[in-house]
Structure formats: structure tokens, C-alpha cells
Protein backbone atom coordinates (compact mmCIF):
# COMPACT_ATOMS: atom_id res chain seq x y z
CA MET A 1 -0.68 -10.11 24.37
CA ARG A 2 0.15 -12.70 27.00
CA ASP A 3 2.92 -13.15 29.54
CA LEU A 4 4.90 -16.35 29.00
CA THR A 5 7.27 -18.27 31.23
CA ASP A 6 10.09 -20.34 29.76
CA ALA A 7 7.99 -23.44 30.40
CA GLU A 8 5.08 -21.94 28.49
CA LEU A 9 7.37 -20.92 25.63
CA ALA A 10 8.71 -24.48 25.53
CA GLU A 11 5.14 -25.73 25.27
CA LEU A 12 4.32 -23.29 22.44
CA ILE A 13 7.31 -24.45 20.41
CA ASP A 14 6.75 -28.10 21.28
CA LYS A 15 6.46 -28.92 17.60
CA ASP A 16 8.15 -31.55 15.49
CA ILE A 17 10.01 -28.99 13.37
CA PHE A 18 11.61 -27.30 16.39
CA HIS A 19 12.65 -30.60 17.89
CA LYS A 20 14.24 -31.58 14.58
CA ILE A 21 16.17 -28.28 14.54
CA SER A 22 17.16 -28.90 18.17
CA ASP A 23 18.46 -32.38 17.38
CA ALA A 24 20.37 -31.09 14.34
CA ALA A 25 22.06 -28.32 16.34
CA ASP A 26 22.88 -30.61 19.28
CA LYS A 27 24.43 -33.18 16.97
CA LEU A 28 26.74 -30.47 15.59
CA GLY A 29 27.42 -29.05 19.07
CA LEU A 30 26.10 -25.57 18.16
CA GLU A 31 23.94 -23.10 20.08
CA CYS A 32 20.68 -22.48 18.23
CA TYR A 33 17.86 -19.97 18.78
CA VAL A 34 14.58 -19.00 17.16
CA VAL A 35 14.61 -15.19 16.98
CA GLY A 36 12.87 -12.06 15.80
CA GLY A 37 9.32 -11.82 14.56
CA TYR A 38 8.38 -15.41 15.36
CA VAL A 39 9.22 -14.89 19.05
CA ARG A 40 7.47 -11.52 19.11
CA ASP A 41 4.35 -13.05 17.62
CA LEU A 42 4.28 -15.82 20.24
CA PHE A 43 3.67 -13.13 22.85
CA LEU A 44 1.20 -11.28 20.62
CA GLU A 45 -0.67 -14.54 19.93
CA ARG A 46 -0.31 -14.10 16.18
CA PRO A 47 0.29 -17.29 14.18
CA SER A 48 3.30 -17.30 11.86
CA ASN A 49 4.95 -19.77 9.49
CA ASP A 50 8.05 -17.63 8.91
CA ILE A 51 10.78 -18.78 11.28
CA ASP A 52 14.21 -17.15 11.71
CA VAL A 53 16.89 -19.26 13.38
CA VAL A 54 20.27 -17.95 14.57
CA VAL A 55 23.11 -20.40 15.06
CA VAL A 56 26.25 -19.52 16.99
CA GLY A 57 28.41 -21.01 14.27
CA SER A 58 27.37 -22.16 10.80
CA GLY A 59 23.67 -21.73 10.08
CA ILE A 60 24.13 -23.51 6.76
CA SER A 61 25.42 -26.64 8.49
CA VAL A 62 22.34 -26.84 10.75
CA ALA A 63 20.07 -26.28 7.72
CA ASN A 64 21.78 -29.11 5.84
CA GLU A 65 21.47 -31.41 8.86
CA LEU A 66 17.77 -30.52 9.17
CA LYS A 67 17.23 -31.29 5.48
CA GLN A 68 18.74 -34.75 5.97
CA ARG A 69 16.43 -35.41 8.91
CA ILE A 70 13.31 -34.36 7.00
CA GLY A 71 14.26 -35.94 3.68
CA LYS A 72 12.68 -35.31 0.30
CA ARG A 73 9.71 -33.44 1.76
CA ALA A 74 11.95 -30.44 2.46
CA HIS A 75 13.51 -28.06 -0.06
CA ILE A 76 16.74 -26.26 0.84
CA SER A 77 18.29 -23.16 -0.73
CA VAL A 78 21.82 -22.21 0.32
CA PHE A 79 23.32 -18.73 -0.13
CA HIS A 80 27.02 -19.13 0.59
CA ASN A 81 27.85 -15.49 -0.12
CA PHE A 82 25.55 -14.42 2.72
CA GLY A 83 26.12 -17.39 4.98
CA THR A 84 22.41 -18.18 5.05
CA ALA A 85 20.11 -21.04 4.08
CA GLN A 86 16.36 -21.46 3.73
CA VAL A 87 14.43 -24.66 4.34
CA LYS A 88 10.84 -24.91 3.09
CA PHE A 89 8.76 -27.63 4.63
CA GLY A 90 5.06 -28.15 5.29
CA GLY A 91 4.05 -24.58 4.48
CA MET A 92 6.84 -23.16 6.66
CA GLU A 93 9.86 -21.12 5.63
CA ILE A 94 12.81 -21.44 8.01
CA GLU A 95 15.74 -19.06 7.55
CA PHE A 96 19.07 -20.09 9.07
CA VAL A 97 21.92 -17.66 9.66
CA GLY A 98 25.07 -17.70 11.72
CA ALA A 99 25.25 -15.23 14.61
CA ARG A 100 27.09 -12.15 13.41
CA LYS A 101 28.15 -8.63 14.18
CA GLU A 102 28.01 -5.85 11.65
CA SER A 103 29.73 -2.57 10.83
CA TYR A 104 28.73 -0.01 8.21
CA SER A 105 30.25 2.66 5.98
CA HIS A 106 28.43 5.98 5.80
CA ASP A 107 27.43 5.78 2.14
CA SER A 108 25.97 2.26 2.12
CA ARG A 109 23.45 0.22 4.07
CA LYS A 110 25.31 -2.99 3.20
CA PRO A 111 27.17 -4.11 6.33
CA ILE A 112 30.61 -5.58 6.77
CA VAL A 113 29.78 -8.88 8.47
CA GLU A 114 31.86 -10.93 10.92
CA ASP A 115 31.07 -14.04 12.90
CA GLY A 116 29.75 -13.17 16.35
CA THR A 117 28.01 -14.30 19.49
CA LEU A 118 24.29 -14.36 20.25
CA GLU A 119 24.83 -11.06 22.09
CA ASP A 120 26.41 -9.54 18.96
CA ASP A 121 23.48 -10.75 16.89
CA GLN A 122 20.89 -9.30 19.26
CA ASN A 123 22.79 -6.00 19.38
CA ARG A 124 22.41 -5.59 15.60
CA ARG A 125 18.64 -6.14 15.63
CA ASP A 126 16.43 -3.20 14.69
CA PHE A 127 14.00 -3.03 17.64
CA THR A 128 13.79 -4.50 21.12
CA ILE A 129 10.61 -6.40 20.27
CA ASN A 130 12.51 -8.11 17.42
CA ALA A 131 15.66 -8.82 19.46
CA MET A 132 14.26 -11.61 21.65
CA ALA A 133 15.51 -15.16 21.24
CA VAL A 134 14.30 -18.55 22.46
CA CYS A 135 16.85 -21.34 22.83
CA LEU A 136 16.20 -24.55 20.87
CA ASN A 137 19.00 -26.70 22.32
CA LYS A 138 17.60 -29.60 24.32
CA GLY A 139 19.19 -28.57 27.64
CA ARG A 140 17.70 -25.02 27.46
CA PHE A 141 14.68 -25.65 25.21
CA GLY A 142 12.23 -22.74 25.55
CA GLU A 143 14.55 -20.43 27.51
CA LEU A 144 13.94 -16.75 26.64
CA VAL A 145 16.94 -14.46 26.10
CA ASP A 146 15.66 -10.87 26.26
CA PRO A 147 18.54 -8.49 27.06
CA PHE A 148 16.76 -5.28 26.02
CA GLY A 149 13.35 -5.70 27.67
CA GLY A 150 11.45 -6.57 24.51
CA VAL A 151 8.65 -8.22 26.48
CA ASP A 152 8.17 -5.06 28.56
CA ASP A 153 8.02 -2.96 25.38
CA LEU A 154 5.39 -5.31 23.96
CA TRP A 155 3.29 -4.79 27.07
CA ASP A 156 3.80 -1.01 26.91
CA GLY A 157 3.15 -0.82 23.15
CA ILE A 158 6.50 0.84 22.39
CA ILE A 159 8.85 0.70 19.41
CA ARG A 160 12.42 1.27 20.60
CA THR A 161 15.89 0.42 19.31
CA PRO A 162 18.15 -1.90 21.36
CA LEU A 163 21.15 0.44 21.15
CA ASP A 164 21.72 4.11 20.25
CA PRO A 165 18.92 4.90 17.73
CA ASP A 166 21.11 7.39 15.84
CA ILE A 167 23.59 4.61 15.09
CA THR A 168 20.82 2.11 14.35
CA PHE A 169 19.16 4.39 11.79
CA SER A 170 22.31 5.89 10.31
CA ASP A 171 23.81 2.42 9.76
CA ASP A 172 20.73 1.11 7.96
CA PRO A 173 18.24 3.89 7.13
CA LEU A 174 15.62 1.39 5.96
CA ARG A 175 15.08 0.72 9.66
CA MET A 176 13.41 4.14 9.86
CA MET A 177 10.70 2.94 7.48
CA ARG A 178 10.43 -0.33 9.40
CA CYS A 179 10.08 1.64 12.63
CA VAL A 180 7.03 3.48 11.32
CA ARG A 181 5.68 0.32 9.70
CA PHE A 182 5.83 -1.74 12.91
CA ALA A 183 4.26 1.11 14.90
CA THR A 184 1.42 1.20 12.37
CA GLN A 185 0.91 -2.57 12.10
CA LEU A 186 0.93 -3.12 15.87
CA ASN A 187 -0.71 0.21 16.78
CA PHE A 188 2.30 0.99 18.99
CA PHE A 189 3.92 4.33 19.85
CA ILE A 190 7.47 5.18 18.83
CA GLU A 191 9.51 5.90 21.97
CA ASP A 192 10.57 9.59 22.24
CA GLU A 193 14.33 9.13 21.90
CA THR A 194 13.81 6.79 18.97
CA PHE A 195 11.45 9.26 17.28
CA GLU A 196 13.90 12.13 17.74
CA ALA A 197 16.54 10.00 16.02
CA LEU A 198 14.12 9.50 13.11
CA GLU A 199 13.93 13.28 12.75
CA ARG A 200 17.71 13.71 12.92
CA ASN A 201 18.43 10.96 10.39
CA ALA A 202 15.55 11.41 7.93
CA ASP A 203 17.82 12.54 5.08
CA ARG A 204 19.71 9.24 5.28
CA ILE A 205 16.73 7.60 3.58
CA ASN A 206 18.18 8.85 0.29
CA ILE A 207 20.69 5.95 0.19
CA VAL A 208 17.89 3.36 0.34
CA SER A 209 16.60 1.90 -2.93
CA GLY A 210 13.16 2.92 -4.11
CA GLU A 211 12.06 -0.71 -4.21
CA ARG A 212 12.75 -1.21 -0.49
CA ILE A 213 10.97 2.02 0.43
CA ALA A 214 8.00 1.05 -1.75
CA ASP A 215 7.78 -2.33 -0.03
CA GLU A 216 7.54 -0.67 3.39
CA LEU A 217 5.01 1.89 2.13
CA ASN A 218 2.81 -0.91 0.81
CA LYS A 219 2.97 -2.68 4.17
CA ILE A 220 1.92 0.55 5.91
CA MET A 221 -0.85 1.01 3.34
CA ALA A 222 -2.13 -2.53 4.02
CA THR A 223 -2.69 -1.91 7.75
CA ARG A 224 -6.04 -1.32 9.43
CA THR A 225 -5.38 2.41 9.98
CA PRO A 226 -2.73 3.51 7.46
CA SER A 227 -3.13 7.19 8.35
CA LYS A 228 -1.16 6.52 11.54
CA GLY A 229 1.88 5.55 9.50
CA PHE A 230 1.64 8.53 7.16
CA ILE A 231 1.29 10.93 10.08
CA ASP A 232 4.42 9.46 11.70
CA LEU A 233 6.27 9.68 8.37
CA TYR A 234 5.18 13.32 8.11
CA ARG A 235 6.09 14.25 11.70
CA CYS A 236 9.60 12.80 11.49
CA GLY A 237 10.41 14.36 8.11
CA LEU A 238 10.53 11.23 5.96
CA LEU A 239 7.38 12.06 4.02
CA ARG A 240 8.79 15.35 2.70
CA ILE A 241 11.53 13.30 1.03
CA ILE A 242 9.46 10.33 -0.14
CA LEU A 243 6.17 12.03 -1.10
CA PRO A 244 6.55 15.83 -1.08
CA GLU A 245 3.29 16.07 -3.05
CA LEU A 246 1.40 14.96 0.05
CA VAL A 247 3.24 17.36 2.35
CA ALA A 248 2.30 20.23 -0.01
CA MET A 249 -1.35 19.56 0.87
CA ASP A 250 -0.86 20.51 4.53
CA VAL A 251 -1.56 24.21 3.92
CA VAL A 252 -4.64 26.18 4.92
CA GLU A 253 -4.99 29.70 3.54
CA THR A 254 -7.49 32.30 4.67
CA ARG A 255 -8.56 35.28 2.61
CA ASN A 256 -11.35 37.71 3.45
CA GLY A 257 -12.23 35.46 6.37
CA ARG A 258 -12.71 32.42 4.13
CA ALA A 259 -10.50 29.36 4.54
CA HIS A 260 -10.36 26.05 2.70
CA LYS A 261 -10.08 22.71 4.50
CA ASN A 262 -6.77 21.03 5.21
CA ASN A 263 -6.48 18.67 2.25
CA PHE A 264 -3.70 16.59 3.83
CA TYR A 265 -5.74 15.52 6.85
CA HIS A 266 -8.89 15.22 4.74
CA THR A 267 -6.99 12.80 2.49
CA LEU A 268 -5.88 10.69 5.46
CA GLU A 269 -9.49 10.55 6.65
CA VAL A 270 -10.56 9.33 3.20
CA LEU A 271 -7.77 6.73 3.29
CA ASP A 272 -8.95 5.36 6.63
CA ASN A 273 -12.55 5.39 5.43
CA ILE A 274 -11.73 3.31 2.37
CA SER A 275 -9.52 0.96 4.40
CA LYS A 276 -12.63 -0.04 6.38
CA ALA A 277 -14.32 -1.02 3.10
CA THR A 278 -11.59 -2.74 1.09
CA ASP A 279 -8.22 -4.52 1.23
CA ASN A 280 -7.51 -3.53 -2.39
CA LEU A 281 -4.01 -2.02 -2.10
CA TRP A 282 -4.22 0.07 -5.27
CA LEU A 283 -7.67 1.40 -4.42
CA ARG A 284 -6.16 2.57 -1.12
CA TRP A 285 -3.37 4.30 -3.05
CA ALA A 286 -5.99 5.97 -5.25
CA ALA A 287 -7.61 7.29 -2.07
CA LEU A 288 -4.28 8.71 -0.87
CA PHE A 289 -3.67 10.40 -4.23
CA HIS A 290 -7.22 11.46 -5.10
CA ASP A 291 -6.66 15.15 -4.22
CA ILE A 292 -2.94 15.26 -5.03
CA GLY A 293 -3.60 17.93 -7.70
CA LYS A 294 -5.21 20.43 -5.32
CA PRO A 295 -2.08 22.44 -4.39
CA LYS A 296 -1.38 23.12 -8.08
CA SER A 297 -5.00 23.94 -8.92
CA LYS A 298 -5.83 26.19 -5.95
CA ARG A 299 -7.14 29.63 -6.92
CA TRP A 300 -8.92 32.47 -5.15
CA ASP A 301 -12.16 33.75 -6.65
CA ALA A 302 -13.78 36.82 -5.13
CA LEU A 303 -17.26 35.33 -5.54
CA ALA A 304 -16.69 31.59 -5.15
CA GLY A 305 -13.84 31.75 -2.62
CA TRP A 306 -11.16 29.07 -2.83
CA THR A 307 -11.47 26.81 -5.86
CA PHE A 308 -9.66 23.68 -7.03
CA HIS A 309 -10.94 23.43 -10.58
CA SER A 310 -9.60 20.46 -12.60
CA HIS A 311 -7.60 19.15 -9.63
CA ASN A 312 -8.65 15.64 -10.67
CA ILE A 313 -7.15 16.08 -14.14
CA ILE A 314 -3.96 17.65 -12.75
CA GLY A 315 -3.68 14.89 -10.15
CA ALA A 316 -4.16 12.15 -12.74
CA LYS A 317 -1.30 13.59 -14.80
CA MET A 318 0.95 13.48 -11.72
CA ILE A 319 0.42 9.76 -11.08
CA PRO A 320 2.87 8.29 -13.65
CA SER A 321 5.82 10.36 -12.40
CA ILE A 322 5.02 9.53 -8.75
CA PHE A 323 4.77 5.83 -9.57
CA LYS A 324 8.05 5.96 -11.47
CA ARG A 325 9.84 7.68 -8.58
CA LEU A 326 8.44 5.25 -6.00
CA LYS A 327 9.40 2.27 -8.19
CA PHE A 328 5.76 1.21 -8.32
CA PRO A 329 4.60 -0.92 -11.28
CA MET A 330 4.15 1.15 -14.44
CA ASP A 331 1.46 -1.18 -15.76
CA ALA A 332 -2.28 -1.65 -15.39
CA LYS A 333 -2.03 -0.82 -11.66
CA MET A 334 -0.72 2.66 -12.42
CA LYS A 335 -3.39 3.18 -15.09
CA TYR A 336 -6.05 2.03 -12.60
CA VAL A 337 -4.95 4.57 -9.97
CA ARG A 338 -4.66 7.32 -12.58
CA LYS A 339 -8.16 6.60 -13.87
CA LEU A 340 -9.74 6.65 -10.42
CA VAL A 341 -8.01 9.93 -9.55
CA ASP A 342 -9.23 11.39 -12.84
CA LEU A 343 -12.83 10.24 -12.38
CA HIS A 344 -13.28 10.67 -8.61
CA MET A 345 -15.25 13.92 -8.96
CA ARG A 346 -17.77 12.54 -11.45
CA PRO A 347 -20.01 10.56 -9.06
CA ILE A 348 -19.89 13.45 -6.57
CA ILE A 349 -21.07 15.91 -9.22
CA ILE A 350 -23.83 13.52 -10.26
CA ALA A 351 -24.89 12.97 -6.64
CA ASP A 352 -24.94 16.72 -6.00
CA GLU A 353 -27.46 17.25 -8.79
CA GLU A 354 -30.42 15.35 -10.20
CA VAL A 355 -29.32 11.77 -10.81
CA THR A 356 -30.18 11.27 -14.49
CA ASP A 357 -29.96 8.08 -16.52
CA SER A 358 -27.79 9.87 -19.07
CA ALA A 359 -25.18 10.99 -16.52
CA VAL A 360 -24.98 7.55 -14.91
CA ARG A 361 -24.75 5.92 -18.34
CA ARG A 362 -21.75 8.12 -19.22
CA LEU A 363 -20.11 7.42 -15.88
CA MET A 364 -20.50 3.69 -16.35
CA ASN A 365 -19.07 3.90 -19.85
CA ASP A 366 -15.98 5.87 -18.75
CA ALA A 367 -15.26 3.86 -15.59
CA GLY A 368 -15.83 0.47 -17.20
CA ASP A 369 -15.03 -2.50 -14.96
CA ASP A 370 -13.75 -0.16 -12.22
CA ILE A 371 -17.11 1.50 -11.60
CA ASP A 372 -17.70 -0.21 -8.25
CA ASP A 373 -14.24 0.74 -6.98
CA LEU A 374 -14.83 4.33 -8.11
CA MET A 375 -18.08 4.46 -6.16
CA THR A 376 -16.35 3.04 -3.08
CA LEU A 377 -13.70 5.77 -3.35
CA CYS A 378 -16.28 8.51 -3.72
CA GLU A 379 -18.30 7.32 -0.75
CA ALA A 380 -15.11 7.32 1.35
CA ASP A 381 -14.51 10.89 0.16
CA ILE A 382 -17.60 12.15 2.00
CA THR A 383 -16.04 13.66 5.13
CA SER A 384 -18.32 16.65 5.63
CA LYS A 385 -18.93 17.58 9.25
CA ASN A 386 -22.37 18.85 8.22
CA ALA A 387 -24.55 15.85 9.06
CA ALA A 388 -27.43 16.89 6.80
CA ARG A 389 -25.13 17.48 3.79
CA LYS A 390 -23.32 14.19 4.40
CA GLN A 391 -26.59 12.27 4.58
CA ARG A 392 -27.83 13.92 1.37
CA PHE A 393 -24.72 12.79 -0.47
CA LEU A 394 -25.03 9.26 0.91
CA ASP A 395 -28.68 9.09 -0.13
CA ASN A 396 -27.85 10.35 -3.63
CA PHE A 397 -24.96 7.90 -3.93
CA LYS A 398 -27.43 5.17 -3.07
CA THR A 399 -29.57 6.35 -5.98
CA VAL A 400 -26.54 6.35 -8.29
CA ARG A 401 -25.71 2.78 -7.25
CA GLU A 402 -29.31 1.69 -7.84
CA LYS A 403 -29.23 3.16 -11.34
CA LEU A 404 -25.88 1.49 -11.99
CA ASP A 405 -27.29 -1.85 -10.91
CA ASP A 406 -30.29 -1.33 -13.16
CA LEU A 407 -28.07 -0.52 -16.14
CA LYS A 408 -25.92 -3.58 -15.47
CA GLU A 409 -28.97 -5.80 -15.42
CA ARG A 410 -29.96 -4.46 -18.80
CA ASP A 411 -26.41 -5.13 -20.08
CA TYR A 412 -25.68 -1.58 -21.09
CA LYS A 413 -21.99 -2.36 -21.29
CA ARG A 414 -22.79 -4.34 -24.43
CA LEU A 415 -25.51 -1.98 -25.68
CA LEU A 416 -23.30 1.09 -25.36
CA GLN A 417 -20.99 -0.20 -28.09
CA PRO A 418 -22.58 1.30 -31.25
CA CYS A 419 -23.58 -1.34 -33.77
CA ILE A 420 -21.77 0.51 -36.59
CA ASP A 421 -17.97 0.41 -36.33
CA GLY A 422 -15.15 2.54 -37.74
CA ASP A 423 -14.46 0.27 -40.71
CA GLU A 424 -18.04 0.58 -41.91
CA ILE A 425 -17.95 4.37 -41.45
CA MET A 426 -14.81 4.60 -43.62
CA ALA A 427 -16.38 2.45 -46.33
CA LEU A 428 -19.66 4.37 -46.21
CA PHE A 429 -18.09 7.83 -46.68
CA ASN A 430 -14.91 6.79 -48.51
CA LEU A 431 -12.65 7.97 -45.68
CA LYS A 432 -9.21 6.99 -44.43
CA PRO A 433 -8.40 6.62 -40.72
CA GLY A 434 -8.26 10.09 -39.19
CA ARG A 435 -10.05 12.92 -37.43
CA GLU A 436 -13.27 12.71 -39.44
CA VAL A 437 -13.82 9.05 -38.54
CA GLY A 438 -13.22 9.85 -34.86
CA GLU A 439 -15.74 12.71 -34.93
CA LEU A 440 -18.41 10.53 -36.54
CA LYS A 441 -17.86 7.73 -34.01
CA LYS A 442 -18.01 10.26 -31.16
CA ALA A 443 -21.27 11.76 -32.45
CA MET A 444 -22.80 8.30 -32.65
CA LYS A 445 -21.66 7.32 -29.16
CA GLU A 446 -22.79 10.61 -27.61
CA ALA A 447 -26.25 10.17 -29.09
CA VAL A 448 -26.55 6.66 -27.65
CA LEU A 449 -25.27 7.73 -24.23
CA ASP A 450 -27.75 10.63 -24.12
CA ASN A 451 -30.53 8.30 -25.20
CA ARG A 452 -31.34 10.54 -28.18
CA VAL A 453 -31.33 7.56 -30.54
CA PRO A 454 -31.57 3.83 -29.84
CA ASN A 455 -28.50 1.68 -30.50
CA GLU A 456 -30.01 0.32 -33.69
CA ARG A 457 -28.65 0.34 -37.23
CA GLU A 458 -31.29 2.40 -39.04
CA PRO A 459 -31.50 5.42 -36.68
CA LEU A 460 -27.72 5.45 -36.25
CA MET A 461 -27.21 5.44 -40.01
CA ALA A 462 -29.53 8.45 -40.33
CA LEU A 463 -27.60 10.23 -37.60
CA LEU A 464 -24.26 9.52 -39.31
CA LYS A 465 -25.47 10.86 -42.66
CA GLU A 466 -26.75 14.03 -40.99
CA LYS A 467 -23.44 14.57 -39.16
CA ALA A 468 -21.41 13.80 -42.30
CA ALA A 469 -23.40 16.44 -44.22
CA GLU A 470 -22.64 19.01 -41.48
CA MET A 471 -18.93 18.18 -41.85
CA GLY A 472 -19.10 18.54 -45.65
CA LEU A 473 -18.30 14.88 -46.28
CA VAL A 474 -21.34 14.24 -48.52
């Protein structure tokens, strides 16, 4: 963060593209300003190629004039219905819009739009830090217009709405998600009055499309410390609407003096742990959902205490419906998350016991190409406050990884595919596709995985004949 005078702002935007926009606007006799995130990021010293320009008048006319000045190197897209235009040039995307004022009906976040002044346009902005404007006209080039103290809020690390936050959030409830997202991305605090408005208006999120909510969730998930965003979503009441399965994890029960850990805050710790190790968005989602089945699986056992048996299986079954509700992709990404949730206990069980070749071989076979991501998830899942226990797990995980590397070097992925396939089994025992073929293939694969027989034709054939005799097939 740096403090900038108008002269310094003029120097920062002393670029050919801004001068071309300035000349275009001056020729048409229109006021023209660069606004929003680009101005914010000048103060935060964050480079950006996404430029929003507000014109007091027709934004489309300035965009067309700019296109003529640049020539064939620029591509322009005009959206007459919205009164906007986009110019792409030299890796930059410049959005032009006419200054406007907005009004809303209660059951829609689509505004009724009218032409307005710069003041009207700044009034409709979501947060003070996004409501700053820098003039591009030659006579005032670089002049900052900051009516709501956005620069002060940047210095103080505060997210605050320009006008009444209840109106801001009720008019367009997606701004509530953006509020939490900006606070998470910038590591800012949400100002008290603004946060209280989030709580009061949380139910308004129901009129926002799932796709828009999902987009904001993914941006929160992609931050350095995503737990901050999920805690804010939880505190203000949005999370109970968007992801009630997570909220259900914030329960700690005690019976006979024995309590289980808080699975909600444990999950957020795992999420932050994995975010230090990977930018893989869907691996981060797997971390958030890895214990999602615990509330449904929780049982009390007089001897063992609190148990969560099969929570991985229950959680994996929950993933498709959660993805569908959140409008997440129902493709390989969903299957990837579901698989990691299902398998996340396997490496932990292996690491808690003697690390055998057979167990690691099975794990590698079931995880396939996602084995490294699974190990990363499981290492992030070690949140024990017992230093000795935590170190033991880490040491054992190191052993598991070493065995995995050894198996990869010996190309076990190829070797684990039995050299006798289903077609040959059917021909050998005169069978049609069905349960018997599946059982014979399973017996063969299990024997190879357990290293009871080598993956060679002669010993496997003997095994098949023995199993077929047990099943009464010969």
C-alpha cells in the first residue's frame, strides 16, 4: 500500500492506452474516468490488465472512437442492450460503460438503469475501495475522485459500503458474497455496521443464481487463507444457507467426560494446511469436504467413545448432490473430489500401522493418477496437538511416500493389470458376462496385489482354475 498524490497517479497511468482514451473522450466532449478495481490496485501496488472506464455520456461512443485510434490491433465488442462495450488490445481488457444510477425491485438483483452522473455511478458501487475514480480527461488527467474515503479504508484494511449497507446488500445480494471475498483476498476486516447488515440480509442470497455464488466461493477458495472467508460466511449466516453440511460440523458433544474435536474448525485448519501446499482448486475443495460425512456417522460407544465409522464413504456419497446444488461441474472434477473424500482415510490407516508393500500397492491401485494429491490431502489432515503423535504420522507418511516412489519406479501401474483379461476368462470357462467373471477377475487381482502370485500367465492360470473349481464352474 502506498499513498499517491494526483501527480503520482498521473504518472502511474502515463501510458499510451490511457492517453488514447483521453484523446477519444476529449474529442467527443465527454467526462471519462478509470474506476473500480484498477484504481484500488494502483494503491495496493498490484498490477492489473482489467480496466473499467466510466463515461458521463455514451461509453460505447468512446469505445468506438478508441477502436478507430488503435486500428486493426484492437477488437471491440458492443453490448447495446447494456450500454457497454469491451475493447481488447495488447493483453488488456477495457470495459466502457456510461455513468448510471440504478434502482431495484425486491425480488430481483437486476437493476432498472438510468443515465446518471459520476456521483450517481460512485453511489451504486459496492464498496468504498471500489468506488474511487481517476479522471482521464487531459485537463484533469490523474485527478482522484474519492467521495467515500476509499483510500483511508485501504490504509485501515476495512471493507465498507459507500451508502447504507442494508440497501446495498438487499438491492444486490451477490454483494454479500463479494464483501466476504474481498475481505479474504485482501486480508481486510469487514466494518461492523457492514457486517451487521450481512447478518440481517443473509436470506436475500436465495435470489442469487447458483453459478454466481459458486464463482465467488471459488475465488474465496483460491486465496492464501480461505478459512478466513468461510469463517466470515459462517458468522454472518450465509454459510448455513449455502453449505449447511459444513455448519452441521460445528458441534462438540461430551458424554461421560469424553468429547470429540470440533470437526468444523479442524476442517478449516486442514484447508489452510493444504492451501500452503497447492493451488489446485479441486484439491482444496476435497480438503473442505473430507470430513463432511462425520455428523451423519457420529456414534457413541461405551468402550471406544465417539466414533465416526465410514464417514469417508458417507461423505463421498454426499458430494454429487452438493456439487449439483452449488452448480459445480458434474464431470471429472466432481468424481475427483468424491474419490479423494472416499479414500482420505486409507493412507492414515496405513501410516498408523506397519507400512506394508501390500497395503501401499492396494492404495496405489485404487487412487491411480491421483495418489500424490491424496497423500497431500492426508498430510494436511494431520492437525494433532500432540507433537509426538503428529511427528509419528509424518514419519510414517514419509515411509508411505518412499514405498510409492519405489513402486512407481518398478512400473507397478502396468504390472498390476493382470495379464489374463475377462474375454479370455469367458472363453476358458465357457461363461457369459456376469457375476462369475467379475469374481474370477477379482480373485486374480487380489492375489497379485497381495503378492501371493506373480503377475505371470502360468501361476495366474493355476489360480483361476482353483477358484473356478471352488465356484463349481469346472
